[in-house]
Amino acid sequence: MSPFALISVLLLSAIMSSGFMLIAESTPAQYAGSLFNPEAVPSGMIPYDDGWSHGSLFSAPNWLLAQIDQNIMSTVLDYGVTPVPTEAPQNFQDYISAGFAALEGGNYREAYNAFKMATQLESTSSDAWYGLSIALESQKKYLSALEAYTKAISAAKGASSNWASYAGKGRVLYNLNRFTEAKSALETAISRYEEARVSHPDELEEIYRLLDEISGKTSPVEVNTPSAYIPASTLIF
């Protein structure tokens, strides 16, 4: 054995011996019916109230652990299961509000997600289905929008909450080149609009424009989705 290797072995033996002597000199403590040395740093978890009790790699005393934010502690210390952050629960109206706010900002995918959650919470809400329809129509997903508008009409409880859905249904049918069905839906929208006694002249003008185009009175132009994203059931009389 080389002199260097011999010195290394002797040094390692001295360190181990001194460690054993320190442990031997410490007074054993008892916890849960078992004896252990409270002065020794554990390689794993030791159930000692005031000593080194947590961590196999990043060991720390309990008094220090108590001062650390529990939400981030397990990311730096081996202290068990990492807490999973949870979002505050949202109710139906939260999703409706978020959906229409997203529509106004042009975030159609975000609006879709919000209204989709709203329809899952309340499957008979005309507002939820109407908002989902607008989000889908704005993304040119006309078949899905047609289905959503149909559900919005079925869920509506009167002319004030379904005229806009009939108008939307007419628009998507027009974009699908189903002109006869589109004409019927748009005419129904006008009838329900008049019954509801609401005032949305821009939307009404768009309905008449599409009807004129279907009748061949005007040249084809691109269909515009409503500029006023208002829940159907909250339209003002």
C-alpha atoms as a PDB file:
ATOM      1  CA  MET A   1       0.000   0.000   0.000  1.00  0.00           C
ATOM      2  CA  SER A   2       1.327   3.427  -0.959  1.00  0.00           C
ATOM      3  CA  PRO A   3       2.053   6.000   1.785  1.00  0.00           C
ATOM      4  CA  PHE A   4      -0.735   8.236   0.463  1.00  0.00           C
ATOM      5  CA  ALA A   5      -3.332   5.444   0.608  1.00  0.00           C
ATOM      6  CA  LEU A   6      -2.175   4.480   4.119  1.00  0.00           C
ATOM      7  CA  ILE A   7      -2.571   8.092   5.318  1.00  0.00           C
ATOM      8  CA  SER A   8      -6.074   8.264   3.840  1.00  0.00           C
ATOM      9  CA  VAL A   9      -7.137   5.055   5.616  1.00  0.00           C
ATOM     10  CA  LEU A  10      -5.726   6.259   8.938  1.00  0.00           C
ATOM     11  CA  LEU A  11      -7.427   9.655   8.582  1.00  0.00           C
ATOM     12  CA  LEU A  12     -10.795   8.040   7.753  1.00  0.00           C
ATOM     13  CA  SER A  13     -10.428   5.697  10.746  1.00  0.00           C
ATOM     14  CA  ALA A  14      -9.695   8.646  13.035  1.00  0.00           C
ATOM     15  CA  ILE A  15     -12.772  10.548  11.822  1.00  0.00           C
ATOM     16  CA  MET A  16     -15.030   7.526  12.289  1.00  0.00           C
ATOM     17  CA  SER A  17     -13.598   6.832  15.731  1.00  0.00           C
ATOM     18  CA  SER A  18     -14.143  10.420  16.865  1.00  0.00           C
ATOM     19  CA  GLY A  19     -17.725  10.285  15.586  1.00  0.00           C
ATOM     20  CA  PHE A  20     -18.419   7.097  17.479  1.00  0.00           C
ATOM     21  CA  MET A  21     -16.882   8.606  20.609  1.00  0.00           C
ATOM     22  CA  LEU A  22     -19.132  11.677  20.362  1.00  0.00           C
ATOM     23  CA  ILE A  23     -22.186   9.515  19.945  1.00  0.00           C
ATOM     24  CA  ALA A  24     -21.139   7.270  22.798  1.00  0.00           C
ATOM     25  CA  GLU A  25     -20.606  10.258  25.104  1.00  0.00           C
ATOM     26  CA  SER A  26     -24.091  11.660  24.406  1.00  0.00           C
ATOM     27  CA  THR A  27     -26.927  10.706  26.699  1.00  0.00           C
ATOM     28  CA  PRO A  28     -29.437   8.474  24.865  1.00  0.00           C
ATOM     29  CA  ALA A  29     -33.029   9.751  24.681  1.00  0.00           C
ATOM     30  CA  GLN A  30     -36.171   7.705  24.470  1.00  0.00           C
ATOM     31  CA  TYR A  31     -39.009   8.336  22.045  1.00  0.00           C
ATOM     32  CA  ALA A  32     -41.905   5.990  21.272  1.00  0.00           C
ATOM     33  CA  GLY A  33     -40.253   3.222  23.265  1.00  0.00           C
ATOM     34  CA  SER A  34     -36.922   3.415  21.426  1.00  0.00           C
ATOM     35  CA  LEU A  35     -33.519   4.826  22.419  1.00  0.00           C
ATOM     36  CA  PHE A  36     -31.593   7.096  20.081  1.00  0.00           C
ATOM     37  CA  ASN A  37     -28.920   9.729  20.262  1.00  0.00           C
ATOM     38  CA  PRO A  38     -30.394  13.254  19.942  1.00  0.00           C
ATOM     39  CA  GLU A  39     -26.963  14.749  19.148  1.00  0.00           C
ATOM     40  CA  ALA A  40     -26.426  12.664  16.048  1.00  0.00           C
ATOM     41  CA  VAL A  41     -27.458  13.965  12.651  1.00  0.00           C
ATOM     42  CA  PRO A  42     -29.698  11.258  11.138  1.00  0.00           C
ATOM     43  CA  SER A  43     -29.430   9.807   7.688  1.00  0.00           C
ATOM     44  CA  GLY A  44     -33.208   9.620   7.590  1.00  0.00           C
ATOM     45  CA  MET A  45     -36.119  10.885   9.661  1.00  0.00           C
ATOM     46  CA  ILE A  46     -35.817  10.718  13.474  1.00  0.00           C
ATOM     47  CA  PRO A  47     -38.938  11.288  15.626  1.00  0.00           C
ATOM     48  CA  TYR A  48     -37.405  13.814  18.032  1.00  0.00           C
ATOM     49  CA  ASP A  49     -39.498  16.848  19.010  1.00  0.00           C
ATOM     50  CA  ASP A  50     -36.666  19.374  19.401  1.00  0.00           C
ATOM     51  CA  GLY A  51     -33.821  17.743  17.517  1.00  0.00           C
ATOM     52  CA  TRP A  52     -32.931  16.844  13.968  1.00  0.00           C
ATOM     53  CA  SER A  53     -36.058  15.147  12.798  1.00  0.00           C
ATOM     54  CA  HIS A  54     -36.585  15.686   9.067  1.00  0.00           C
ATOM     55  CA  GLY A  55     -34.701  15.025   5.866  1.00  0.00           C
ATOM     56  CA  SER A  56     -32.328  12.489   4.481  1.00  0.00           C
ATOM     57  CA  LEU A  57     -30.237  14.978   2.521  1.00  0.00           C
ATOM     58  CA  PHE A  58     -31.250  18.442   3.734  1.00  0.00           C
ATOM     59  CA  SER A  59     -31.682  17.760   7.457  1.00  0.00           C
ATOM     60  CA  ALA A  60     -32.868  20.646   9.622  1.00  0.00           C
ATOM     61  CA  PRO A  61     -34.031  21.065  13.231  1.00  0.00           C
ATOM     62  CA  ASN A  62     -37.736  21.359  13.989  1.00  0.00           C
ATOM     63  CA  TRP A  63     -37.403  24.880  15.419  1.00  0.00           C
ATOM     64  CA  LEU A  64     -36.049  26.026  12.037  1.00  0.00           C
ATOM     65  CA  LEU A  65     -38.632  24.127  10.016  1.00  0.00           C
ATOM     66  CA  ALA A  66     -41.395  25.794  12.021  1.00  0.00           C
ATOM     67  CA  GLN A  67     -40.288  29.187  10.692  1.00  0.00           C
ATOM     68  CA  ILE A  68     -40.375  28.175   7.030  1.00  0.00           C
ATOM     69  CA  ASP A  69     -43.420  28.744   4.809  1.00  0.00           C
ATOM     70  CA  GLN A  70     -45.129  25.371   4.658  1.00  0.00           C
ATOM     71  CA  ASN A  71     -46.243  26.001   1.059  1.00  0.00           C
ATOM     72  CA  ILE A  72     -42.664  26.056  -0.219  1.00  0.00           C
ATOM     73  CA  MET A  73     -40.839  23.994   2.418  1.00  0.00           C
ATOM     74  CA  SER A  74     -41.134  20.673   0.647  1.00  0.00           C
ATOM     75  CA  THR A  75     -39.490  22.118  -2.446  1.00  0.00           C
ATOM     76  CA  VAL A  76     -36.252  22.671  -0.516  1.00  0.00           C
ATOM     77  CA  LEU A  77     -36.467  20.089   2.277  1.00  0.00           C
ATOM     78  CA  ASP A  78     -37.386  16.446   2.209  1.00  0.00           C
ATOM     79  CA  TYR A  79     -40.434  16.956   4.400  1.00  0.00           C
ATOM     80  CA  GLY A  80     -43.030  14.742   2.825  1.00  0.00           C
ATOM     81  CA  VAL A  81     -45.588  15.316   0.100  1.00  0.00           C
ATOM     82  CA  THR A  82     -45.321  18.584  -1.812  1.00  0.00           C
ATOM     83  CA  PRO A  83     -48.465  20.699  -1.322  1.00  0.00           C
ATOM     84  CA  VAL A  84     -50.441  21.144  -4.534  1.00  0.00           C
ATOM     85  CA  PRO A  85     -51.725  24.708  -5.081  1.00  0.00           C
ATOM     86  CA  THR A  86     -55.445  24.829  -5.707  1.00  0.00           C
ATOM     87  CA  GLU A  87     -57.470  27.557  -7.343  1.00  0.00           C
ATOM     88  CA  ALA A  88     -60.334  29.150  -5.533  1.00  0.00           C
ATOM     89  CA  PRO A  89     -63.537  27.479  -6.718  1.00  0.00           C
ATOM     90  CA  GLN A  90     -65.526  29.469  -9.265  1.00  0.00           C
ATOM     91  CA  ASN A  91     -69.297  29.458  -9.473  1.00  0.00           C
ATOM     92  CA  PHE A  92     -71.541  29.605 -12.506  1.00  0.00           C
ATOM     93  CA  GLN A  93     -71.800  33.390 -12.609  1.00  0.00           C
ATOM     94  CA  ASP A  94     -68.007  33.724 -12.386  1.00  0.00           C
ATOM     95  CA  TYR A  95     -67.632  31.701 -15.582  1.00  0.00           C
ATOM     96  CA  ILE A  96     -70.379  33.666 -17.348  1.00  0.00           C
ATOM     97  CA  SER A  97     -68.749  36.989 -16.459  1.00  0.00           C
ATOM     98  CA  ALA A  98     -65.296  35.729 -17.440  1.00  0.00           C
ATOM     99  CA  GLY A  99     -66.652  34.417 -20.739  1.00  0.00           C
ATOM    100  CA  PHE A 100     -68.249  37.680 -21.848  1.00  0.00           C
ATOM    101  CA  ALA A 101     -65.198  39.644 -20.699  1.00  0.00           C
ATOM    102  CA  ALA A 102     -63.032  37.366 -22.864  1.00  0.00           C
ATOM    103  CA  LEU A 103     -65.344  37.884 -25.840  1.00  0.00           C
ATOM    104  CA  GLU A 104     -65.093  41.645 -25.484  1.00  0.00           C
ATOM    105  CA  GLY A 105     -61.306  41.301 -25.466  1.00  0.00           C
ATOM    106  CA  GLY A 106     -61.292  39.055 -28.518  1.00  0.00           C
ATOM    107  CA  ASN A 107     -60.008  36.048 -26.550  1.00  0.00           C
ATOM    108  CA  TYR A 108     -62.341  33.541 -28.150  1.00  0.00           C
ATOM    109  CA  ARG A 109     -60.580  30.404 -26.945  1.00  0.00           C
ATOM    110  CA  GLU A 110     -60.610  31.653 -23.372  1.00  0.00           C
ATOM    111  CA  ALA A 111     -64.262  32.590 -23.769  1.00  0.00           C
ATOM    112  CA  TYR A 112     -65.030  29.113 -25.076  1.00  0.00           C
ATOM    113  CA  ASN A 113     -63.392  27.487 -22.045  1.00  0.00           C
ATOM    114  CA  ALA A 114     -65.309  29.703 -19.609  1.00  0.00           C
ATOM    115  CA  PHE A 115     -68.690  29.125 -21.253  1.00  0.00           C
ATOM    116  CA  LYS A 116     -68.006  25.404 -21.567  1.00  0.00           C
ATOM    117  CA  MET A 117     -67.530  25.216 -17.799  1.00  0.00           C
ATOM    118  CA  ALA A 118     -70.715  27.260 -17.337  1.00  0.00           C
ATOM    119  CA  THR A 119     -72.746  24.815 -19.454  1.00  0.00           C
ATOM    120  CA  GLN A 120     -71.386  21.926 -17.398  1.00  0.00           C
ATOM    121  CA  LEU A 121     -72.485  23.626 -14.188  1.00  0.00           C
ATOM    122  CA  GLU A 122     -75.896  24.654 -15.523  1.00  0.00           C
ATOM    123  CA  SER A 123     -76.819  22.802 -18.682  1.00  0.00           C
ATOM    124  CA  THR A 124     -80.141  24.632 -19.069  1.00  0.00           C
ATOM    125  CA  SER A 125     -78.736  28.161 -19.026  1.00  0.00           C
ATOM    126  CA  SER A 126     -79.492  30.111 -22.195  1.00  0.00           C
ATOM    127  CA  ASP A 127     -76.770  32.631 -21.297  1.00  0.00           C
ATOM    128  CA  ALA A 128     -74.126  29.901 -21.122  1.00  0.00           C
ATOM    129  CA  TRP A 129     -75.130  28.335 -24.440  1.00  0.00           C
ATOM    130  CA  TYR A 130     -75.476  31.725 -26.130  1.00  0.00           C
ATOM    131  CA  GLY A 131     -71.995  32.753 -25.012  1.00  0.00           C
ATOM    132  CA  LEU A 132     -70.557  29.415 -26.111  1.00  0.00           C
ATOM    133  CA  SER A 133     -72.237  29.901 -29.498  1.00  0.00           C
ATOM    134  CA  ILE A 134     -70.669  33.328 -29.992  1.00  0.00           C
ATOM    135  CA  ALA A 135     -67.237  31.975 -29.025  1.00  0.00           C
ATOM    136  CA  LEU A 136     -67.532  29.132 -31.541  1.00  0.00           C
ATOM    137  CA  GLU A 137     -68.939  31.342 -34.312  1.00  0.00           C
ATOM    138  CA  SER A 138     -66.112  33.825 -33.799  1.00  0.00           C
ATOM    139  CA  GLN A 139     -63.654  30.965 -34.420  1.00  0.00           C
ATOM    140  CA  LYS A 140     -65.598  29.973 -37.552  1.00  0.00           C
ATOM    141  CA  LYS A 141     -66.579  26.635 -36.029  1.00  0.00           C
ATOM    142  CA  TYR A 142     -69.990  26.895 -37.597  1.00  0.00           C
ATOM    143  CA  LEU A 143     -71.339  23.367 -37.092  1.00  0.00           C
ATOM    144  CA  SER A 144     -70.526  23.426 -33.386  1.00  0.00           C
ATOM    145  CA  ALA A 145     -71.913  26.965 -33.153  1.00  0.00           C
ATOM    146  CA  LEU A 146     -75.137  25.845 -34.823  1.00  0.00           C
ATOM    147  CA  GLU A 147     -75.587  23.114 -32.230  1.00  0.00           C
ATOM    148  CA  ALA A 148     -74.893  25.546 -29.399  1.00  0.00           C
ATOM    149  CA  TYR A 149     -77.339  28.144 -30.758  1.00  0.00           C
ATOM    150  CA  THR A 150     -80.005  25.458 -31.005  1.00  0.00           C
ATOM    151  CA  LYS A 151     -79.473  24.574 -27.348  1.00  0.00           C
ATOM    152  CA  ALA A 152     -79.546  28.249 -26.387  1.00  0.00           C
ATOM    153  CA  ILE A 153     -82.921  28.621 -28.105  1.00  0.00           C
ATOM    154  CA  SER A 154     -84.281  25.549 -26.336  1.00  0.00           C
ATOM    155  CA  ALA A 155     -83.094  26.845 -22.955  1.00  0.00           C
ATOM    156  CA  ALA A 156     -84.467  30.372 -23.473  1.00  0.00           C
ATOM    157  CA  LYS A 157     -87.543  31.422 -21.531  1.00  0.00           C
ATOM    158  CA  GLY A 158     -88.981  34.043 -23.849  1.00  0.00           C
ATOM    159  CA  ALA A 159     -88.430  36.370 -26.772  1.00  0.00           C
ATOM    160  CA  SER A 160     -86.089  38.618 -24.810  1.00  0.00           C
ATOM    161  CA  SER A 161     -83.599  35.789 -24.345  1.00  0.00           C
ATOM    162  CA  ASN A 162     -83.845  33.944 -27.658  1.00  0.00           C
ATOM    163  CA  TRP A 163     -84.052  36.519 -30.454  1.00  0.00           C
ATOM    164  CA  ALA A 164     -80.250  36.911 -30.425  1.00  0.00           C
ATOM    165  CA  SER A 165     -79.807  33.141 -30.567  1.00  0.00           C
ATOM    166  CA  TYR A 166     -82.117  32.906 -33.588  1.00  0.00           C
ATOM    167  CA  ALA A 167     -80.076  35.668 -35.220  1.00  0.00           C
ATOM    168  CA  GLY A 168     -76.868  33.768 -34.508  1.00  0.00           C
ATOM    169  CA  LYS A 169     -78.372  30.549 -35.828  1.00  0.00           C
ATOM    170  CA  GLY A 170     -79.313  32.378 -39.027  1.00  0.00           C
ATOM    171  CA  ARG A 171     -75.772  33.716 -39.425  1.00  0.00           C
ATOM    172  CA  VAL A 172     -74.070  30.330 -39.086  1.00  0.00           C
ATOM    173  CA  LEU A 173     -76.622  28.683 -41.410  1.00  0.00           C
ATOM    174  CA  TYR A 174     -75.845  31.403 -43.921  1.00  0.00           C
ATOM    175  CA  ASN A 175     -72.116  30.681 -43.618  1.00  0.00           C
ATOM    176  CA  LEU A 176     -72.885  26.994 -44.147  1.00  0.00           C
ATOM    177  CA  ASN A 177     -74.744  27.925 -47.381  1.00  0.00           C
ATOM    178  CA  ARG A 178     -77.996  26.604 -45.953  1.00  0.00           C
ATOM    179  CA  PHE A 179     -79.899  29.660 -47.119  1.00  0.00           C
ATOM    180  CA  THR A 180     -83.477  28.437 -46.764  1.00  0.00           C
ATOM    181  CA  GLU A 181     -82.902  27.505 -43.119  1.00  0.00           C
ATOM    182  CA  ALA A 182     -80.974  30.719 -42.559  1.00  0.00           C
ATOM    183  CA  LYS A 183     -83.875  32.806 -43.914  1.00  0.00           C
ATOM    184  CA  SER A 184     -86.323  31.077 -41.574  1.00  0.00           C
ATOM    185  CA  ALA A 185     -84.096  31.598 -38.519  1.00  0.00           C
ATOM    186  CA  LEU A 186     -83.464  35.266 -39.348  1.00  0.00           C
ATOM    187  CA  GLU A 187     -87.163  35.967 -39.862  1.00  0.00           C
ATOM    188  CA  THR A 188     -87.891  34.355 -36.515  1.00  0.00           C
ATOM    189  CA  ALA A 189     -85.182  36.516 -34.950  1.00  0.00           C
ATOM    190  CA  ILE A 190     -86.906  39.671 -36.217  1.00  0.00           C
ATOM    191  CA  SER A 191     -90.264  38.501 -34.916  1.00  0.00           C
ATOM    192  CA  ARG A 192     -88.823  37.713 -31.470  1.00  0.00           C
ATOM    193  CA  TYR A 193     -86.896  40.988 -31.477  1.00  0.00           C
ATOM    194  CA  GLU A 194     -90.121  42.916 -31.961  1.00  0.00           C
ATOM    195  CA  GLU A 195     -91.866  40.910 -29.249  1.00  0.00           C
ATOM    196  CA  ALA A 196     -89.036  41.585 -26.806  1.00  0.00           C
ATOM    197  CA  ARG A 197     -89.188  45.353 -27.447  1.00  0.00           C
ATOM    198  CA  VAL A 198     -85.433  45.679 -27.158  1.00  0.00           C
ATOM    199  CA  SER A 199     -83.204  48.248 -28.820  1.00  0.00           C
ATOM    200  CA  HIS A 200     -80.165  46.861 -30.617  1.00  0.00           C
ATOM    201  CA  PRO A 201     -80.277  48.608 -34.023  1.00  0.00           C
ATOM    202  CA  ASP A 202     -76.886  47.350 -35.229  1.00  0.00           C
ATOM    203  CA  GLU A 203     -77.855  43.719 -34.720  1.00  0.00           C
ATOM    204  CA  LEU A 204     -81.260  44.279 -36.325  1.00  0.00           C
ATOM    205  CA  GLU A 205     -79.642  45.948 -39.327  1.00  0.00           C
ATOM    206  CA  GLU A 206     -77.320  42.947 -39.745  1.00  0.00           C
ATOM    207  CA  ILE A 207     -80.303  40.586 -39.725  1.00  0.00           C
ATOM    208  CA  TYR A 208     -82.089  42.573 -42.452  1.00  0.00           C
ATOM    209  CA  ARG A 209     -78.899  42.808 -44.471  1.00  0.00           C
ATOM    210  CA  LEU A 210     -78.505  39.045 -44.507  1.00  0.00           C
ATOM    211  CA  LEU A 211     -82.148  38.563 -45.457  1.00  0.00           C
ATOM    212  CA  ASP A 212     -81.723  40.970 -48.366  1.00  0.00           C
ATOM    213  CA  GLU A 213     -78.623  39.123 -49.475  1.00  0.00           C
ATOM    214  CA  ILE A 214     -80.407  35.773 -49.335  1.00  0.00           C
ATOM    215  CA  SER A 215     -83.214  37.261 -51.409  1.00  0.00           C
ATOM    216  CA  GLY A 216     -80.657  38.428 -53.986  1.00  0.00           C
ATOM    217  CA  LYS A 217     -81.188  42.115 -53.363  1.00  0.00           C
ATOM    218  CA  THR A 218     -77.573  42.811 -52.373  1.00  0.00           C
ATOM    219  CA  SER A 219     -74.136  41.502 -53.252  1.00  0.00           C
ATOM    220  CA  PRO A 220     -72.622  38.872 -50.949  1.00  0.00           C
ATOM    221  CA  VAL A 221     -70.469  40.272 -48.142  1.00  0.00           C
ATOM    222  CA  GLU A 222     -68.821  38.766 -45.116  1.00  0.00           C
ATOM    223  CA  VAL A 223     -71.123  38.064 -42.187  1.00  0.00           C
ATOM    224  CA  ASN A 224     -70.298  39.982 -39.022  1.00  0.00           C
ATOM    225  CA  THR A 225     -70.744  38.570 -35.545  1.00  0.00           C
ATOM    226  CA  PRO A 226     -72.452  40.858 -32.995  1.00  0.00           C
ATOM    227  CA  SER A 227     -70.390  43.690 -31.603  1.00  0.00           C
ATOM    228  CA  ALA A 228     -72.405  43.859 -28.377  1.00  0.00           C
ATOM    229  CA  TYR A 229     -71.665  40.700 -26.435  1.00  0.00           C
ATOM    230  CA  ILE A 230     -74.556  40.860 -23.977  1.00  0.00           C
ATOM    231  CA  PRO A 231     -76.059  37.806 -22.274  1.00  0.00           C
ATOM    232  CA  ALA A 232     -79.353  37.096 -23.982  1.00  0.00           C
ATOM    233  CA  SER A 233     -81.370  37.051 -20.753  1.00  0.00           C
ATOM    234  CA  THR A 234     -80.016  40.415 -19.621  1.00  0.00           C
ATOM    235  CA  LEU A 235     -80.983  42.414 -22.703  1.00  0.00           C
ATOM    236  CA  ILE A 236     -82.808  45.610 -21.739  1.00  0.00           C
ATOM    237  CA  PHE A 237     -86.456  45.972 -22.662  1.00  0.00           C
END
